[in-house]
Amino acid sequence: MKIQKSTARYEEWLARQLTIVPADLQHKHEQMSTALFPFMRATYYRWAQIFPEVCAGLASAPVVLGVGDLHVENFGTWRDSEGRLIWGINDFDETWRLPYTHDLVRLTASAHIAISENHLALDLKNAAEAILQGYSESLAAGGRPFVLAEHHPLLREMAVHRLKDVCGFWEKLEKCQPVKGRIPDGAAKGILRMLPDPEITRRHMHRVAGLGSLGRQRFVALAQWHAGNIAREAKAMAPSACWWAAGCKGSSRILYQEILDTAVRCCDPYVKQKGKWIVRRLAPDCTRIELSELPKERSEKVLLHAMGFETANVHLGSKKARAIQADLKKRGSDWLPKAAEEMLKAVSQDWDEWRKSHPVKKPAK
């Protein structure tokens, strides 16, 4: 099946799960043509479809509650219940029960694309080595959340670099399109429960963000509270694309809250699954970090090691540490870069095929 047909079938299925925003979906299709990394981020459904075939040798690995759509820009910061700044995986929209190898291959493949696009200054072998070393160390230690206040100075410096432009964060939200009329009841109720005062005056905006979730309804409530800005977001959820790729067999239950509750992490108290909506607080220190936002002077090996460590923090919630360690021992040292290269080859072929029918639009003169 070609990427165009796969995309059409997935989007037809998705439209039966939730309300599609046509303009956002069109924007997603356009972004998919611009570069390989946006294409990879936007087409997790295709990855879920081809991974079992391309990486058949990894299918026997121990199964965990995995992130699914893991990549180098699916990390960010938040505040825990003590107000401490925490760093870790930021999005679990595609959570599913998967071989632990799945998340590691996708993370490594995304790092390789970032390397080729000059966002990271490591080769694939060293990137894979740093990710796998961090992952293995976390398994051995039983996991450990990334609390940035007292520890991880290099990671803390990278994570807080973007906080220098706090005003820009709020200006960007203010530019979102105001919602005309009421927002869906589920989104409204979820946002209301997360506000510090249910009587607070708020404005509902339609937010366009991310890539994999483009096309889904995404609402932000903006308000003033105690002389400052606050924001809450509600994003529509659907079953993981893994369920679709597997032929919609078995339970379609959304596993976002389960992975939050079981992972080794200091949870964000303002991220909750409310029915078919994910509700979260938005703030300059509670958001995803893009590679372009990191300082030019940074330790990329430390960053990728931390990403591997955090991946194991999440996988440890499945209580499979010994089984994973035994499986890793059998696989040797070069399986990860090889698998990432194979998946990248398949993703690149899909991207080439996609651009034939969706060429990049040239800006008007």
Protein backbone atom coordinates (compact mmCIF):
# COMPACT_ATOMS: atom_id res chain seq x y z
CA MET A 1 0.00 0.00 0.00
CA LYS A 2 1.39 3.42 -0.99
CA ILE A 3 1.59 6.32 1.44
CA GLN A 4 -1.24 8.23 -0.26
CA LYS A 5 -3.66 5.31 0.13
CA SER A 6 -2.48 4.62 3.67
CA THR A 7 -3.04 8.29 4.60
CA ALA A 8 -6.51 8.38 3.06
CA ARG A 9 -7.60 5.22 4.89
CA TYR A 10 -6.20 6.40 8.21
CA GLU A 11 -7.87 9.79 7.94
CA GLU A 12 -11.20 8.18 6.99
CA TRP A 13 -10.92 6.04 10.12
CA LEU A 14 -9.88 9.01 12.27
CA ALA A 15 -12.88 11.01 11.09
CA ARG A 16 -15.10 8.29 12.55
CA GLN A 17 -13.38 8.66 15.94
CA LEU A 18 -13.50 12.44 16.35
CA THR A 19 -14.32 15.74 14.65
CA ILE A 20 -11.76 16.70 11.99
CA VAL A 21 -10.69 20.31 11.37
CA PRO A 22 -10.27 20.38 7.55
CA ALA A 23 -8.03 23.47 7.39
CA ASP A 24 -5.62 22.01 9.95
CA LEU A 25 -5.52 18.69 8.12
CA GLN A 26 -4.70 20.51 4.87
CA HIS A 27 -1.91 22.36 6.68
CA LYS A 28 -0.59 19.00 7.90
CA HIS A 29 -0.47 17.65 4.34
CA GLU A 30 1.50 20.70 3.25
CA GLN A 31 3.97 20.38 6.13
CA MET A 32 4.53 16.72 5.25
CA SER A 33 6.11 17.80 1.95
CA THR A 34 8.56 20.34 3.37
CA ALA A 35 11.19 18.04 4.94
CA LEU A 36 11.74 14.46 6.10
CA PHE A 37 11.45 15.17 9.84
CA PRO A 38 8.02 16.87 9.64
CA PHE A 39 6.89 14.01 7.40
CA MET A 40 8.02 11.42 9.93
CA ARG A 41 6.35 13.27 12.81
CA ALA A 42 3.09 13.68 10.90
CA THR A 43 2.77 10.06 9.73
CA TYR A 44 3.02 7.88 12.80
CA TYR A 45 0.11 5.81 11.45
CA ARG A 46 2.36 4.76 8.56
CA TRP A 47 5.26 3.91 10.90
CA ALA A 48 2.91 1.75 12.98
CA GLN A 49 1.83 0.01 9.78
CA ILE A 50 5.29 -0.83 8.40
CA PHE A 51 7.43 -1.33 11.54
CA PRO A 52 6.36 -4.97 12.14
CA GLU A 53 7.35 -5.81 8.56
CA VAL A 54 10.57 -3.79 8.20
CA CYS A 55 11.82 -4.72 11.69
CA ALA A 56 10.35 -8.23 11.92
CA GLY A 57 13.36 -9.40 13.93
CA LEU A 58 12.45 -7.02 16.76
CA ALA A 59 8.85 -8.18 17.12
CA SER A 60 9.77 -10.88 19.65
CA ALA A 61 11.15 -8.33 22.15
CA PRO A 62 9.37 -7.96 25.50
CA VAL A 63 6.20 -5.88 25.21
CA VAL A 64 5.78 -2.71 27.27
CA LEU A 65 3.36 0.17 27.46
CA GLY A 66 5.24 2.24 24.91
CA VAL A 67 5.12 5.87 23.77
CA GLY A 68 4.63 4.91 20.14
CA ASP A 69 5.23 8.30 18.50
CA LEU A 70 8.58 8.94 20.18
CA HIS A 71 11.08 11.33 18.58
CA VAL A 72 13.69 13.90 19.61
CA GLU A 73 11.11 16.72 19.80
CA ASN A 74 8.69 14.79 22.00
CA PHE A 75 10.41 16.07 25.15
CA GLY A 76 9.69 19.10 27.26
CA THR A 77 9.38 20.53 30.74
CA TRP A 78 6.65 20.92 33.34
CA ARG A 79 6.20 21.70 37.04
CA ASP A 80 5.48 18.86 39.46
CA SER A 81 3.25 19.09 42.55
CA GLU A 82 6.16 20.66 44.46
CA GLY A 83 6.66 23.34 41.79
CA ARG A 84 9.98 21.82 40.67
CA LEU A 85 10.98 21.98 37.00
CA ILE A 86 10.88 18.48 35.48
CA TRP A 87 12.10 17.35 32.06
CA GLY A 88 10.86 14.32 30.16
CA ILE A 89 8.63 12.88 27.45
CA ASN A 90 5.89 15.36 26.69
CA ASP A 91 3.23 13.56 24.61
CA PHE A 92 1.58 10.13 24.84
CA ASP A 93 -1.13 10.43 22.18
CA GLU A 94 -0.11 7.15 20.51
CA THR A 95 0.57 5.04 23.59
CA TRP A 96 0.17 1.32 22.94
CA ARG A 97 1.49 -2.07 24.04
CA LEU A 98 4.59 -2.49 21.88
CA PRO A 99 7.97 -4.24 21.82
CA TYR A 100 10.33 -2.00 23.82
CA THR A 101 12.53 -1.87 20.69
CA HIS A 102 9.87 0.13 18.84
CA ASP A 103 10.37 3.35 20.84
CA LEU A 104 14.16 3.06 20.74
CA VAL A 105 14.25 2.60 16.96
CA ARG A 106 11.92 5.56 16.35
CA LEU A 107 13.86 7.81 18.72
CA THR A 108 17.16 6.86 17.05
CA ALA A 109 15.74 7.31 13.55
CA SER A 110 14.52 10.81 14.47
CA ALA A 111 17.98 11.63 15.88
CA HIS A 112 19.53 10.52 12.59
CA ILE A 113 17.24 12.89 10.66
CA ALA A 114 18.16 15.71 13.06
CA ILE A 115 21.83 14.92 12.43
CA SER A 116 21.36 15.05 8.66
CA GLU A 117 19.51 18.38 8.95
CA ASN A 118 22.34 19.81 11.11
CA HIS A 119 20.31 20.05 14.31
CA LEU A 120 22.65 17.58 16.03
CA ALA A 121 26.41 17.14 15.63
CA LEU A 122 26.79 13.38 16.14
CA ASP A 123 26.93 10.47 13.72
CA LEU A 124 24.24 7.77 13.82
CA LYS A 125 26.43 5.21 15.59
CA ASN A 126 27.31 7.59 18.45
CA ALA A 127 23.72 8.82 18.70
CA ALA A 128 22.40 5.26 18.97
CA GLU A 129 25.11 4.42 21.50
CA ALA A 130 24.19 7.40 23.71
CA ILE A 131 20.46 6.54 23.60
CA LEU A 132 21.04 2.87 24.35
CA GLN A 133 23.51 3.60 27.14
CA GLY A 134 21.04 5.93 28.83
CA TYR A 135 18.24 3.40 28.40
CA SER A 136 20.34 0.58 29.91
CA GLU A 137 21.49 2.70 32.85
CA SER A 138 17.90 3.63 33.68
CA LEU A 139 16.85 -0.04 33.62
CA ALA A 140 19.71 -0.93 35.96
CA ALA A 141 18.90 1.94 38.35
CA GLY A 142 15.17 1.27 38.40
CA GLY A 143 14.57 4.63 36.74
CA ARG A 144 14.88 8.16 38.03
CA PRO A 145 12.89 11.29 37.10
CA PHE A 146 14.73 14.33 35.73
CA VAL A 147 14.36 16.97 38.46
CA LEU A 148 16.27 19.95 37.08
CA ALA A 149 16.51 22.11 40.21
CA GLU A 150 19.36 20.28 41.93
CA HIS A 151 20.63 17.92 39.22
CA HIS A 152 21.47 17.70 35.49
CA PRO A 153 23.08 21.18 35.05
CA LEU A 154 23.76 20.73 31.32
CA LEU A 155 20.23 19.51 30.64
CA ARG A 156 18.80 22.28 32.82
CA GLU A 157 20.70 24.91 30.84
CA MET A 158 19.37 23.48 27.57
CA ALA A 159 15.82 23.21 28.89
CA VAL A 160 15.52 26.73 30.30
CA HIS A 161 17.22 28.48 27.38
CA ARG A 162 13.89 29.19 25.69
CA LEU A 163 12.43 30.76 28.86
CA LYS A 164 14.22 33.99 27.93
CA ASP A 165 11.30 34.81 25.61
CA VAL A 166 8.33 34.51 27.99
CA CYS A 167 6.43 37.35 26.31
CA GLY A 168 6.76 35.66 22.93
CA PHE A 169 5.03 32.55 24.30
CA TRP A 170 1.91 34.50 25.31
CA GLU A 171 1.93 36.60 22.14
CA LYS A 172 1.81 33.40 20.09
CA LEU A 173 -1.23 32.12 22.01
CA GLU A 174 -2.96 35.50 21.65
CA LYS A 175 -2.66 35.16 17.87
CA CYS A 176 -4.75 31.96 17.87
CA GLN A 177 -8.15 32.20 16.21
CA PRO A 178 -10.99 32.91 18.68
CA VAL A 179 -13.66 30.22 18.83
CA LYS A 180 -17.09 31.32 17.65
CA GLY A 181 -19.80 29.87 19.84
CA ARG A 182 -19.42 27.05 22.34
CA ILE A 183 -16.64 24.51 22.49
CA PRO A 184 -17.56 20.80 22.90
CA ASP A 185 -18.91 19.89 26.35
CA GLY A 186 -16.10 17.42 27.08
CA ALA A 187 -13.42 20.01 26.37
CA ALA A 188 -15.26 22.69 28.36
CA LYS A 189 -15.69 20.46 31.41
CA GLY A 190 -12.07 19.29 31.31
CA ILE A 191 -10.74 22.85 31.13
CA LEU A 192 -13.09 24.03 33.89
CA ARG A 193 -11.78 21.37 36.31
CA MET A 194 -8.20 22.50 35.70
CA LEU A 195 -8.75 26.20 36.36
CA PRO A 196 -7.79 27.80 39.70
CA ASP A 197 -11.19 29.52 39.82
CA PRO A 198 -14.25 28.17 37.94
CA GLU A 199 -15.73 31.69 37.79
CA ILE A 200 -12.72 33.19 36.04
CA THR A 201 -13.43 35.07 32.79
CA ARG A 202 -11.80 33.26 29.90
CA ARG A 203 -11.55 33.33 26.12
CA HIS A 204 -11.54 30.13 24.06
CA MET A 205 -9.11 29.97 21.15
CA HIS A 206 -8.49 27.39 18.43
CA ARG A 207 -4.83 26.37 18.62
CA VAL A 208 -2.86 24.94 15.68
CA ALA A 209 0.16 23.04 17.01
CA GLY A 210 2.16 19.86 16.64
CA LEU A 211 2.18 17.71 13.52
CA GLY A 212 0.90 14.24 14.33
CA SER A 213 -2.24 15.68 15.92
CA LEU A 214 -2.93 18.34 13.28
CA GLY A 215 -6.51 18.01 12.12
CA ARG A 216 -7.89 17.28 15.60
CA GLN A 217 -9.80 19.82 17.64
CA ARG A 218 -7.54 21.71 20.01
CA PHE A 219 -8.91 24.45 22.26
CA VAL A 220 -7.10 26.83 24.61
CA ALA A 221 -8.73 28.87 27.38
CA LEU A 222 -6.85 32.13 28.00
CA ALA A 223 -7.44 34.16 31.15
CA GLN A 224 -5.94 36.67 33.57
CA TRP A 225 -5.50 35.46 37.15
CA HIS A 226 -3.78 37.41 39.94
CA ALA A 227 -2.28 39.90 37.47
CA GLY A 228 -0.81 37.31 35.14
CA ASN A 229 -1.66 35.11 32.16
CA ILE A 230 -2.84 31.52 32.49
CA ALA A 231 -3.83 28.98 29.83
CA ARG A 232 -5.43 25.53 29.73
CA GLU A 233 -5.63 23.36 26.63
CA ALA A 234 -7.98 20.53 25.69
CA LYS A 235 -6.97 18.27 22.78
CA ALA A 236 -9.23 15.65 21.22
CA MET A 237 -8.05 12.06 21.60
CA ALA A 238 -8.54 8.93 19.50
CA PRO A 239 -7.33 5.33 19.91
CA SER A 240 -3.67 4.88 19.00
CA ALA A 241 -2.81 4.54 15.32
CA CYS A 242 -1.28 1.20 16.35
CA TRP A 243 -4.80 -0.11 16.89
CA TRP A 244 -5.77 1.06 13.42
CA ALA A 245 -2.62 -0.45 11.88
CA ALA A 246 -3.39 -3.81 13.55
CA GLY A 247 -6.81 -3.94 11.92
CA CYS A 248 -8.77 -2.50 14.88
CA LYS A 249 -8.61 -5.82 16.74
CA GLY A 250 -9.12 -6.06 20.50
CA SER A 251 -9.69 -3.16 22.85
CA SER A 252 -9.39 0.39 21.53
CA ARG A 253 -9.01 1.94 24.99
CA ILE A 254 -6.98 5.15 25.09
CA LEU A 255 -3.97 4.47 27.34
CA TYR A 256 -2.70 8.01 27.92
CA GLN A 257 -3.62 8.18 31.61
CA GLU A 258 -2.33 4.67 32.29
CA ILE A 259 1.15 5.41 30.99
CA LEU A 260 1.26 8.65 33.01
CA ASP A 261 0.26 6.77 36.16
CA THR A 262 2.71 3.87 35.81
CA ALA A 263 5.91 5.50 34.48
CA VAL A 264 8.80 6.44 36.78
CA ARG A 265 8.33 10.22 36.74
CA CYS A 266 7.28 13.29 38.71
CA CYS A 267 3.90 13.85 37.10
CA ASP A 268 2.50 17.16 35.96
CA PRO A 269 -0.62 17.58 38.16
CA TYR A 270 -2.19 19.64 35.37
CA VAL A 271 -2.16 16.90 32.72
CA LYS A 272 -5.21 14.64 32.86
CA GLN A 273 -7.19 12.48 30.48
CA LYS A 274 -10.82 13.57 30.73
CA GLY A 275 -12.86 11.15 28.65
CA LYS A 276 -11.69 11.63 25.07
CA TRP A 277 -9.80 14.83 25.83
CA ILE A 278 -6.31 15.48 27.17
CA VAL A 279 -6.29 18.63 29.28
CA ARG A 280 -3.10 20.40 30.32
CA ARG A 281 -1.73 23.68 31.59
CA LEU A 282 0.23 25.70 29.02
CA ALA A 283 3.00 28.03 30.17
CA PRO A 284 6.52 28.95 29.01
CA ASP A 285 7.95 26.32 31.40
CA CYS A 286 5.27 23.69 30.61
CA THR A 287 5.62 22.88 26.94
CA ARG A 288 7.46 20.84 24.35
CA ILE A 289 11.05 21.78 23.42
CA GLU A 290 12.03 21.97 19.75
CA LEU A 291 15.66 21.42 18.77
CA SER A 292 15.74 24.86 17.17
CA GLU A 293 14.99 26.36 20.61
CA LEU A 294 18.06 24.84 22.25
CA PRO A 295 21.21 26.94 22.72
CA LYS A 296 23.92 26.58 20.08
CA GLU A 297 26.40 25.56 22.75
CA ARG A 298 25.08 22.24 24.08
CA SER A 299 26.12 18.67 24.79
CA GLU A 300 24.20 16.52 22.33
CA LYS A 301 25.52 13.28 23.77
CA VAL A 302 24.16 14.28 27.19
CA LEU A 303 20.82 15.16 25.60
CA LEU A 304 20.44 11.84 23.74
CA HIS A 305 21.64 9.87 26.78
CA ALA A 306 18.92 11.60 28.81
CA MET A 307 16.32 10.79 26.15
CA GLY A 308 17.26 7.12 26.31
CA PHE A 309 17.16 7.18 30.11
CA GLU A 310 13.72 8.81 30.12
CA THR A 311 12.42 6.25 27.60
CA ALA A 312 13.31 3.51 30.08
CA ASN A 313 11.65 5.52 32.88
CA VAL A 314 8.42 5.14 30.93
CA HIS A 315 8.95 1.49 29.99
CA LEU A 316 9.72 0.57 33.61
CA GLY A 317 6.05 1.08 34.40
CA SER A 318 5.43 -2.28 32.68
CA LYS A 319 7.62 -4.17 35.18
CA LYS A 320 9.70 -5.88 32.48
CA ALA A 321 13.20 -4.62 33.39
CA ARG A 322 14.85 -8.06 33.74
CA ALA A 323 13.26 -9.40 30.57
CA ILE A 324 14.37 -6.31 28.62
CA GLN A 325 17.91 -6.52 30.00
CA ALA A 326 18.14 -10.18 28.98
CA ASP A 327 16.82 -9.37 25.52
CA LEU A 328 19.27 -6.48 25.07
CA LYS A 329 22.15 -8.76 26.01
CA LYS A 330 21.21 -11.15 23.21
CA ARG A 331 21.00 -8.43 20.56
CA GLY A 332 24.57 -7.14 20.78
CA SER A 333 25.66 -3.56 20.06
CA ASP A 334 24.75 -2.76 16.44
CA TRP A 335 21.07 -3.75 16.19
CA LEU A 336 19.75 -0.27 16.99
CA PRO A 337 21.54 1.82 14.31
CA LYS A 338 20.83 -0.91 11.72
CA ALA A 339 17.11 -1.01 12.52
CA ALA A 340 16.92 2.80 12.52
CA GLU A 341 18.57 2.89 9.09
CA GLU A 342 16.10 0.34 7.71
CA MET A 343 13.11 2.31 8.98
CA LEU A 344 14.59 5.56 7.70
CA LYS A 345 14.95 4.03 4.27
CA ALA A 346 11.27 3.09 4.27
CA VAL A 347 10.20 6.52 5.61
CA SER A 348 12.33 8.28 2.97
CA GLN A 349 10.74 6.23 0.19
CA ASP A 350 7.29 7.20 1.47
CA TRP A 351 8.30 10.86 1.63
CA ASP A 352 9.56 10.81 -1.96
CA GLU A 353 6.28 9.23 -3.03
CA TRP A 354 4.22 11.77 -1.06
CA ARG A 355 5.97 14.77 -2.63
CA LYS A 356 5.05 13.58 -6.12
CA SER A 357 1.38 14.20 -5.38
CA HIS A 358 1.92 17.04 -2.87
CA PRO A 359 4.74 19.27 -4.17
CA VAL A 360 5.85 22.13 -1.92
CA LYS A 361 3.98 25.30 -2.80
CA LYS A 362 6.19 28.17 -3.87
CA PRO A 363 5.51 31.45 -2.04
CA ALA A 364 3.62 34.03 -4.06
CA LYS A 365 5.77 36.87 -5.43
